[in-house]
Amino acid sequence: MIHAEFYKSRGLLTGFSFSGHSGYAESGRDIVCSAVSSAVQLTINMLDEFGFSPDVSVGDNVIKCTLKKSFEDSSRMLNVLKTHFESILEEFPKTIKITISEV
């Protein structure tokens, strides 16, 4: 299962951390993992392009993205990512666990 943790501060999303494997198919053929990876990379690129300077760290099967300062627009971008994952979860149950942590 993919563990998707979103960080929230003062009502705004400020980052996320993703780890794990969806288990939908074997590694390299898993469309859920592909969809998640692509959406995460797109979101990080958008945050960077719009000047939010995301702090990104990548480890063994984990990626973490945080923003030093939260803005309404950056929070909206992160919320779109969360909504996208909720849609994936609806179509592919038990592949993603989404949590929100207050930071």
N, C-alpha and C. Protein backbone atom coordinates (compact mmCIF):
# COMPACT_ATOMS: atom_id res chain seq x y z
N MET A 1 0.85 -1.18 0.00
CA MET A 1 0.00 0.00 0.00
C MET A 1 0.89 1.24 0.00
N ILE A 2 0.48 2.24 -0.78
CA ILE A 2 1.18 3.52 -0.78
C ILE A 2 0.66 4.32 0.40
N HIS A 3 1.59 4.88 1.17
CA HIS A 3 1.23 5.74 2.30
C HIS A 3 1.45 7.18 1.86
N ALA A 4 0.36 7.91 1.74
CA ALA A 4 0.40 9.31 1.32
C ALA A 4 0.04 10.17 2.51
N GLU A 5 1.03 10.89 3.02
CA GLU A 5 0.80 11.77 4.16
C GLU A 5 0.93 13.21 3.69
N PHE A 6 -0.12 13.98 3.91
CA PHE A 6 -0.10 15.40 3.59
C PHE A 6 0.08 16.18 4.88
N TYR A 7 0.85 17.26 4.81
CA TYR A 7 1.11 18.10 5.98
C TYR A 7 0.25 19.35 5.88
N LYS A 8 -0.32 19.73 7.02
CA LYS A 8 -1.21 20.88 7.06
C LYS A 8 -0.81 21.79 8.22
N SER A 9 -0.83 23.09 7.96
CA SER A 9 -0.53 24.08 9.00
C SER A 9 -1.44 25.27 8.81
N ARG A 10 -2.12 25.65 9.86
CA ARG A 10 -3.04 26.81 9.83
C ARG A 10 -4.05 26.73 8.70
N GLY A 11 -4.55 25.53 8.46
CA GLY A 11 -5.59 25.34 7.45
C GLY A 11 -5.10 25.19 6.02
N LEU A 12 -3.78 25.27 5.81
CA LEU A 12 -3.23 25.16 4.47
C LEU A 12 -2.33 23.94 4.36
N LEU A 13 -2.39 23.24 3.23
CA LEU A 13 -1.47 22.13 2.99
C LEU A 13 -0.08 22.70 2.72
N THR A 14 0.93 22.08 3.33
CA THR A 14 2.30 22.61 3.24
C THR A 14 3.30 21.60 2.69
N GLY A 15 2.85 20.40 2.35
CA GLY A 15 3.76 19.41 1.81
C GLY A 15 3.18 18.02 1.88
N PHE A 16 4.04 17.04 1.56
CA PHE A 16 3.60 15.66 1.57
C PHE A 16 4.79 14.71 1.66
N SER A 17 4.47 13.48 1.98
CA SER A 17 5.45 12.39 1.97
C SER A 17 4.74 11.16 1.44
N PHE A 18 5.40 10.45 0.52
CA PHE A 18 4.83 9.23 -0.05
C PHE A 18 5.84 8.11 0.07
N SER A 19 5.35 6.95 0.43
CA SER A 19 6.23 5.79 0.52
C SER A 19 5.42 4.53 0.22
N GLY A 20 6.14 3.47 -0.07
CA GLY A 20 5.50 2.18 -0.26
C GLY A 20 5.19 1.86 -1.72
N HIS A 21 4.49 0.78 -1.87
CA HIS A 21 4.11 0.26 -3.19
C HIS A 21 2.64 -0.12 -3.13
N SER A 22 1.91 0.17 -4.17
CA SER A 22 0.46 -0.04 -4.14
C SER A 22 0.06 -1.50 -4.03
N GLY A 23 0.89 -2.39 -4.57
CA GLY A 23 0.55 -3.81 -4.55
C GLY A 23 -0.45 -4.21 -5.62
N TYR A 24 -0.77 -3.28 -6.50
CA TYR A 24 -1.74 -3.59 -7.56
C TYR A 24 -1.16 -4.57 -8.58
N ALA A 25 0.12 -4.41 -8.87
CA ALA A 25 0.83 -5.29 -9.80
C ALA A 25 2.30 -5.31 -9.41
N GLU A 26 3.07 -6.15 -10.08
CA GLU A 26 4.48 -6.23 -9.76
C GLU A 26 5.18 -4.92 -10.10
N SER A 27 6.27 -4.66 -9.40
CA SER A 27 7.05 -3.45 -9.62
C SER A 27 7.45 -3.34 -11.10
N GLY A 28 7.29 -2.15 -11.65
CA GLY A 28 7.59 -1.93 -13.06
C GLY A 28 6.39 -2.09 -13.97
N ARG A 29 5.31 -2.69 -13.45
CA ARG A 29 4.09 -2.88 -14.24
C ARG A 29 2.84 -2.36 -13.50
N ASP A 30 3.08 -1.64 -12.44
CA ASP A 30 1.99 -1.20 -11.58
C ASP A 30 1.48 0.17 -12.02
N ILE A 31 0.27 0.20 -12.60
CA ILE A 31 -0.28 1.45 -13.12
C ILE A 31 -0.64 2.43 -12.01
N VAL A 32 -0.95 1.93 -10.82
CA VAL A 32 -1.25 2.82 -9.70
C VAL A 32 0.02 3.55 -9.27
N CYS A 33 1.10 2.81 -9.12
CA CYS A 33 2.37 3.44 -8.75
C CYS A 33 2.82 4.43 -9.82
N SER A 34 2.61 4.09 -11.07
CA SER A 34 2.97 5.00 -12.17
C SER A 34 2.17 6.28 -12.09
N ALA A 35 0.88 6.17 -11.85
CA ALA A 35 0.01 7.34 -11.75
C ALA A 35 0.43 8.23 -10.58
N VAL A 36 0.72 7.62 -9.45
CA VAL A 36 1.14 8.36 -8.26
C VAL A 36 2.48 9.05 -8.52
N SER A 37 3.44 8.32 -9.05
CA SER A 37 4.76 8.89 -9.31
C SER A 37 4.68 10.07 -10.27
N SER A 38 3.92 9.92 -11.32
CA SER A 38 3.78 10.98 -12.30
C SER A 38 3.12 12.22 -11.69
N ALA A 39 2.07 12.03 -10.92
CA ALA A 39 1.36 13.15 -10.30
C ALA A 39 2.25 13.87 -9.28
N VAL A 40 3.02 13.11 -8.53
CA VAL A 40 3.93 13.70 -7.54
C VAL A 40 4.98 14.56 -8.25
N GLN A 41 5.58 14.02 -9.30
CA GLN A 41 6.61 14.76 -10.03
C GLN A 41 6.02 16.02 -10.66
N LEU A 42 4.84 15.91 -11.25
CA LEU A 42 4.18 17.07 -11.84
C LEU A 42 3.92 18.15 -10.79
N THR A 43 3.44 17.75 -9.62
CA THR A 43 3.15 18.71 -8.56
C THR A 43 4.42 19.41 -8.09
N ILE A 44 5.48 18.66 -7.89
CA ILE A 44 6.75 19.26 -7.48
C ILE A 44 7.24 20.24 -8.53
N ASN A 45 7.16 19.86 -9.80
CA ASN A 45 7.59 20.75 -10.88
C ASN A 45 6.75 22.03 -10.93
N MET A 46 5.44 21.89 -10.71
CA MET A 46 4.57 23.07 -10.72
C MET A 46 4.88 24.00 -9.54
N LEU A 47 5.06 23.41 -8.36
CA LEU A 47 5.41 24.22 -7.19
C LEU A 47 6.70 24.99 -7.45
N ASP A 48 7.67 24.33 -8.05
CA ASP A 48 8.94 24.97 -8.36
C ASP A 48 8.75 26.06 -9.42
N GLU A 49 8.03 25.75 -10.48
CA GLU A 49 7.82 26.70 -11.58
C GLU A 49 7.10 27.96 -11.11
N PHE A 50 6.19 27.83 -10.16
CA PHE A 50 5.44 28.98 -9.66
C PHE A 50 6.14 29.68 -8.50
N GLY A 51 7.40 29.31 -8.24
CA GLY A 51 8.22 30.04 -7.28
C GLY A 51 8.02 29.68 -5.81
N PHE A 52 7.45 28.52 -5.52
CA PHE A 52 7.23 28.14 -4.12
C PHE A 52 8.44 27.42 -3.51
N SER A 53 9.47 27.17 -4.30
CA SER A 53 10.74 26.59 -3.84
C SER A 53 10.55 25.37 -2.94
N PRO A 54 9.99 24.29 -3.46
CA PRO A 54 9.78 23.11 -2.62
C PRO A 54 11.12 22.48 -2.20
N ASP A 55 11.16 22.03 -0.96
CA ASP A 55 12.31 21.29 -0.45
C ASP A 55 11.98 19.82 -0.65
N VAL A 56 12.71 19.15 -1.54
CA VAL A 56 12.39 17.78 -1.93
C VAL A 56 13.53 16.86 -1.52
N SER A 57 13.16 15.75 -0.90
CA SER A 57 14.15 14.71 -0.59
C SER A 57 13.61 13.37 -1.08
N VAL A 58 14.51 12.61 -1.68
CA VAL A 58 14.14 11.31 -2.22
C VAL A 58 15.02 10.26 -1.57
N GLY A 59 14.39 9.22 -1.04
CA GLY A 59 15.11 8.12 -0.43
C GLY A 59 14.69 6.81 -1.07
N ASP A 60 15.02 5.73 -0.42
CA ASP A 60 14.65 4.41 -0.91
C ASP A 60 13.14 4.23 -0.78
N ASN A 61 12.44 4.35 -1.90
CA ASN A 61 10.98 4.15 -1.96
C ASN A 61 10.20 5.19 -1.15
N VAL A 62 10.76 6.40 -1.03
CA VAL A 62 10.06 7.48 -0.33
C VAL A 62 10.44 8.81 -0.96
N ILE A 63 9.46 9.71 -1.03
CA ILE A 63 9.72 11.08 -1.49
C ILE A 63 8.98 12.02 -0.56
N LYS A 64 9.68 13.09 -0.19
CA LYS A 64 9.11 14.07 0.73
C LYS A 64 9.27 15.45 0.11
N CYS A 65 8.22 16.23 0.19
CA CYS A 65 8.22 17.59 -0.35
C CYS A 65 7.59 18.51 0.70
N THR A 66 8.32 19.53 1.08
CA THR A 66 7.78 20.50 2.04
C THR A 66 8.05 21.91 1.53
N LEU A 67 7.20 22.81 1.97
CA LEU A 67 7.34 24.22 1.64
C LEU A 67 7.68 24.98 2.91
N LYS A 68 8.65 25.87 2.81
CA LYS A 68 9.04 26.66 3.98
C LYS A 68 7.93 27.60 4.41
N LYS A 69 7.16 28.07 3.45
CA LYS A 69 6.08 29.00 3.72
C LYS A 69 4.86 28.54 2.92
N SER A 70 3.71 28.58 3.53
CA SER A 70 2.50 28.15 2.82
C SER A 70 1.73 29.35 2.30
N PHE A 71 1.16 29.16 1.13
CA PHE A 71 0.34 30.17 0.47
C PHE A 71 -0.95 29.51 0.02
N GLU A 72 -1.95 30.30 -0.21
CA GLU A 72 -3.23 29.78 -0.69
C GLU A 72 -3.05 29.00 -1.99
N ASP A 73 -2.28 29.56 -2.93
CA ASP A 73 -2.10 28.89 -4.23
C ASP A 73 -1.32 27.58 -4.12
N SER A 74 -0.27 27.55 -3.31
CA SER A 74 0.49 26.30 -3.16
C SER A 74 -0.37 25.25 -2.47
N SER A 75 -1.16 25.67 -1.50
CA SER A 75 -2.06 24.73 -0.82
C SER A 75 -3.09 24.17 -1.80
N ARG A 76 -3.57 24.99 -2.70
CA ARG A 76 -4.54 24.53 -3.69
C ARG A 76 -3.91 23.48 -4.62
N MET A 77 -2.65 23.70 -5.00
CA MET A 77 -1.95 22.72 -5.84
C MET A 77 -1.82 21.38 -5.11
N LEU A 78 -1.46 21.44 -3.83
CA LEU A 78 -1.33 20.22 -3.05
C LEU A 78 -2.68 19.55 -2.84
N ASN A 79 -3.73 20.34 -2.70
CA ASN A 79 -5.06 19.78 -2.56
C ASN A 79 -5.51 19.07 -3.83
N VAL A 80 -5.13 19.60 -4.99
CA VAL A 80 -5.45 18.93 -6.26
C VAL A 80 -4.76 17.57 -6.30
N LEU A 81 -3.51 17.51 -5.83
CA LEU A 81 -2.80 16.23 -5.77
C LEU A 81 -3.55 15.25 -4.86
N LYS A 82 -3.98 15.72 -3.70
CA LYS A 82 -4.73 14.86 -2.77
C LYS A 82 -6.03 14.38 -3.40
N THR A 83 -6.73 15.25 -4.09
CA THR A 83 -7.97 14.88 -4.77
C THR A 83 -7.70 13.85 -5.85
N HIS A 84 -6.60 14.01 -6.55
CA HIS A 84 -6.21 13.04 -7.58
C HIS A 84 -6.00 11.66 -6.96
N PHE A 85 -5.33 11.62 -5.82
CA PHE A 85 -5.11 10.34 -5.15
C PHE A 85 -6.40 9.73 -4.64
N GLU A 86 -7.31 10.57 -4.19
CA GLU A 86 -8.62 10.07 -3.76
C GLU A 86 -9.36 9.43 -4.93
N SER A 87 -9.21 10.02 -6.11
CA SER A 87 -9.83 9.44 -7.32
C SER A 87 -9.19 8.11 -7.69
N ILE A 88 -7.88 8.03 -7.59
CA ILE A 88 -7.19 6.75 -7.85
C ILE A 88 -7.66 5.70 -6.85
N LEU A 89 -7.74 6.08 -5.60
CA LEU A 89 -8.17 5.16 -4.55
C LEU A 89 -9.59 4.66 -4.79
N GLU A 90 -10.44 5.53 -5.29
CA GLU A 90 -11.82 5.13 -5.61
C GLU A 90 -11.85 4.05 -6.69
N GLU A 91 -10.99 4.20 -7.68
CA GLU A 91 -10.94 3.24 -8.78
C GLU A 91 -10.14 1.97 -8.43
N PHE A 92 -9.14 2.13 -7.58
CA PHE A 92 -8.27 1.01 -7.19
C PHE A 92 -8.21 0.94 -5.66
N PRO A 93 -9.26 0.39 -5.04
CA PRO A 93 -9.34 0.33 -3.57
C PRO A 93 -8.15 -0.39 -2.94
N LYS A 94 -7.84 0.03 -1.74
CA LYS A 94 -6.80 -0.59 -0.91
C LYS A 94 -5.40 -0.48 -1.51
N THR A 95 -5.17 0.55 -2.33
CA THR A 95 -3.83 0.75 -2.89
C THR A 95 -3.12 1.95 -2.28
N ILE A 96 -3.89 2.89 -1.73
CA ILE A 96 -3.33 4.10 -1.15
C ILE A 96 -4.01 4.39 0.19
N LYS A 97 -3.19 4.75 1.17
CA LYS A 97 -3.74 5.21 2.45
C LYS A 97 -3.36 6.68 2.56
N ILE A 98 -4.37 7.54 2.67
CA ILE A 98 -4.15 8.99 2.72
C ILE A 98 -4.39 9.49 4.14
N THR A 99 -3.41 10.22 4.66
CA THR A 99 -3.57 10.83 5.98
C THR A 99 -3.17 12.30 5.88
N ILE A 100 -3.68 13.07 6.81
CA ILE A 100 -3.30 14.49 6.92
C ILE A 100 -2.79 14.71 8.33
N SER A 101 -1.58 15.25 8.43
CA SER A 101 -0.96 15.52 9.72
C SER A 101 -0.80 17.02 9.93
N GLU A 102 -1.21 17.49 11.09
CA GLU A 102 -1.03 18.88 11.45
C GLU A 102 0.43 19.08 11.86
N VAL A 103 1.07 20.09 11.27
CA VAL A 103 2.48 20.36 11.59
C VAL A 103 2.65 21.75 12.15
